[in-house]
Amino acid sequence: MQRLTSNNVGITQGSRVLFSDFIDDGPMWTGTGPREHRFEVEFAESYAAVPNVMVSIAMWDSDTKTNQRMDIAAENVSETGFDLVFRTWGDSRVARVRANWMVIGPLPNEDDWDLY
């Protein structure tokens, strides 16, 4: 659990279509090549400490003739941003994905300072 002791708490949210591989026969749709997509999210303002990040699938378009496997995660989370990562494997064919995220964490406060 992250206990927020600051009166300044920031919430950032966003949404992004990560890929539309069915348009140009990309690797998520054809099932060949890299089966991972990364998108670097940068916050408009830095948090005072590493924030909590929640990611989710907002739209999922896949082939119904194959298994539907997916993993979505926030990796490399820092005060300034994170990597939004989508992965699939095996025979899964994914046409497109939209992901949403919400970030909650403490913001810098002018009263925060170090003595030494």
Protein backbone atom coordinates (compact mmCIF):
# COMPACT_ATOMS: atom_id res chain seq x y z
CA MET A 1 0.00 0.00 0.00
CA GLN A 2 1.21 3.49 -0.78
CA ARG A 3 0.16 5.90 1.95
CA LEU A 4 -0.25 9.45 0.61
CA THR A 5 0.75 11.98 3.25
CA SER A 6 0.76 14.97 0.93
CA ASN A 7 -2.19 17.32 0.60
CA ASN A 8 -1.28 17.58 -3.09
CA VAL A 9 -2.39 14.40 -4.81
CA GLY A 10 -2.32 14.21 -8.59
CA ILE A 11 -4.39 12.04 -10.89
CA THR A 12 -3.42 11.55 -14.51
CA GLN A 13 -5.46 9.54 -16.98
CA GLY A 14 -5.25 8.77 -20.65
CA SER A 15 -6.24 6.53 -23.50
CA ARG A 16 -4.45 5.38 -26.65
CA VAL A 17 -4.98 3.04 -29.55
CA LEU A 18 -1.77 1.02 -29.30
CA PHE A 19 -1.88 -0.49 -32.78
CA SER A 20 -4.19 -1.31 -35.70
CA ASP A 21 -2.28 -4.22 -37.23
CA PHE A 22 -5.17 -5.49 -39.36
CA ILE A 23 -4.77 -2.42 -41.62
CA ASP A 24 -1.26 -3.26 -42.81
CA ASP A 25 -0.87 -6.95 -41.83
CA GLY A 26 1.29 -6.08 -38.82
CA PRO A 27 2.78 -8.73 -36.49
CA MET A 28 -0.08 -8.75 -33.95
CA TRP A 29 -2.52 -9.64 -36.75
CA THR A 30 -0.37 -12.02 -38.80
CA GLY A 31 1.10 -13.78 -35.75
CA THR A 32 4.68 -13.39 -36.94
CA GLY A 33 7.42 -11.11 -35.72
CA PRO A 34 7.49 -9.20 -32.41
CA ARG A 35 4.36 -9.83 -30.38
CA GLU A 36 4.94 -6.95 -27.98
CA HIS A 37 4.02 -3.29 -28.35
CA ARG A 38 5.37 -0.55 -26.05
CA PHE A 39 4.21 3.03 -25.70
CA GLU A 40 6.05 5.53 -23.51
CA VAL A 41 3.68 7.65 -21.42
CA GLU A 42 5.17 10.91 -20.15
CA PHE A 43 3.37 12.87 -17.43
CA ALA A 44 2.71 16.58 -17.97
CA GLU A 45 4.13 17.18 -14.47
CA SER A 46 6.43 15.04 -12.35
CA TYR A 47 5.13 13.33 -9.23
CA ALA A 48 6.97 13.75 -5.92
CA ALA A 49 7.41 9.96 -5.64
CA VAL A 50 6.76 6.95 -7.84
CA PRO A 51 2.96 6.92 -8.34
CA ASN A 52 0.54 4.01 -8.58
CA VAL A 53 -0.45 3.13 -12.16
CA MET A 54 -3.45 1.11 -13.29
CA VAL A 55 -3.81 0.07 -16.94
CA SER A 56 -6.73 -1.64 -18.66
CA ILE A 57 -7.99 -2.71 -22.06
CA ALA A 58 -10.64 -0.30 -23.33
CA MET A 59 -11.12 -1.89 -26.77
CA TRP A 60 -10.12 -5.37 -27.94
CA ASP A 61 -10.55 -6.48 -31.55
CA SER A 62 -9.32 -10.01 -32.27
CA ASP A 63 -9.84 -13.00 -34.55
CA THR A 64 -12.47 -15.37 -33.13
CA LYS A 65 -10.88 -18.42 -34.81
CA THR A 66 -7.79 -18.36 -32.55
CA ASN A 67 -7.15 -18.27 -28.82
CA GLN A 68 -7.41 -14.84 -27.27
CA ARG A 69 -4.29 -14.28 -25.15
CA MET A 70 -3.07 -10.96 -23.88
CA ASP A 71 -1.06 -9.28 -21.20
CA ILE A 72 -1.12 -5.56 -20.49
CA ALA A 73 1.10 -3.90 -17.91
CA ALA A 74 2.75 -0.70 -16.74
CA GLU A 75 6.52 -1.16 -16.63
CA ASN A 76 9.43 1.13 -15.71
CA VAL A 77 7.16 3.38 -13.64
CA SER A 78 8.89 6.56 -12.43
CA GLU A 79 7.95 10.04 -11.24
CA THR A 80 7.95 11.24 -14.86
CA GLY A 81 6.19 8.43 -16.74
CA PHE A 82 5.91 4.72 -17.53
CA ASP A 83 5.93 2.21 -20.37
CA LEU A 84 2.52 0.87 -21.39
CA VAL A 85 3.17 -2.68 -22.64
CA PHE A 86 0.84 -5.03 -24.52
CA ARG A 87 1.85 -8.62 -25.32
CA THR A 88 0.26 -11.58 -27.01
CA TRP A 89 1.62 -15.01 -27.95
CA GLY A 90 0.83 -18.34 -29.54
CA ASP A 91 -1.76 -18.34 -32.33
CA SER A 92 -3.60 -15.24 -31.07
CA ARG A 93 -4.41 -12.72 -33.80
CA VAL A 94 -5.10 -9.23 -32.49
CA ALA A 95 -6.39 -6.62 -34.92
CA ARG A 96 -6.24 -3.61 -32.62
CA VAL A 97 -6.19 -2.58 -28.97
CA ARG A 98 -6.98 0.61 -27.09
CA ALA A 99 -5.63 0.95 -23.56
CA ASN A 100 -6.63 3.29 -20.74
CA TRP A 101 -4.57 4.26 -17.72
CA MET A 102 -4.98 6.07 -14.43
CA VAL A 103 -2.11 7.31 -12.30
CA ILE A 104 -2.44 8.46 -8.67
CA GLY A 105 0.41 9.83 -6.60
CA PRO A 106 1.77 12.67 -4.47
CA LEU A 107 2.64 15.95 -6.15
CA PRO A 108 5.53 18.20 -5.09
CA ASN A 109 4.62 20.79 -2.47
CA GLU A 110 6.42 24.08 -1.90
CA ASP A 111 6.55 23.20 1.82
CA ASP A 112 8.54 20.02 1.10
CA TRP A 113 12.27 20.59 1.60
CA ASP A 114 15.28 18.72 2.89
CA LEU A 115 17.36 20.01 5.78
CA TYR A 116 20.53 18.30 4.67
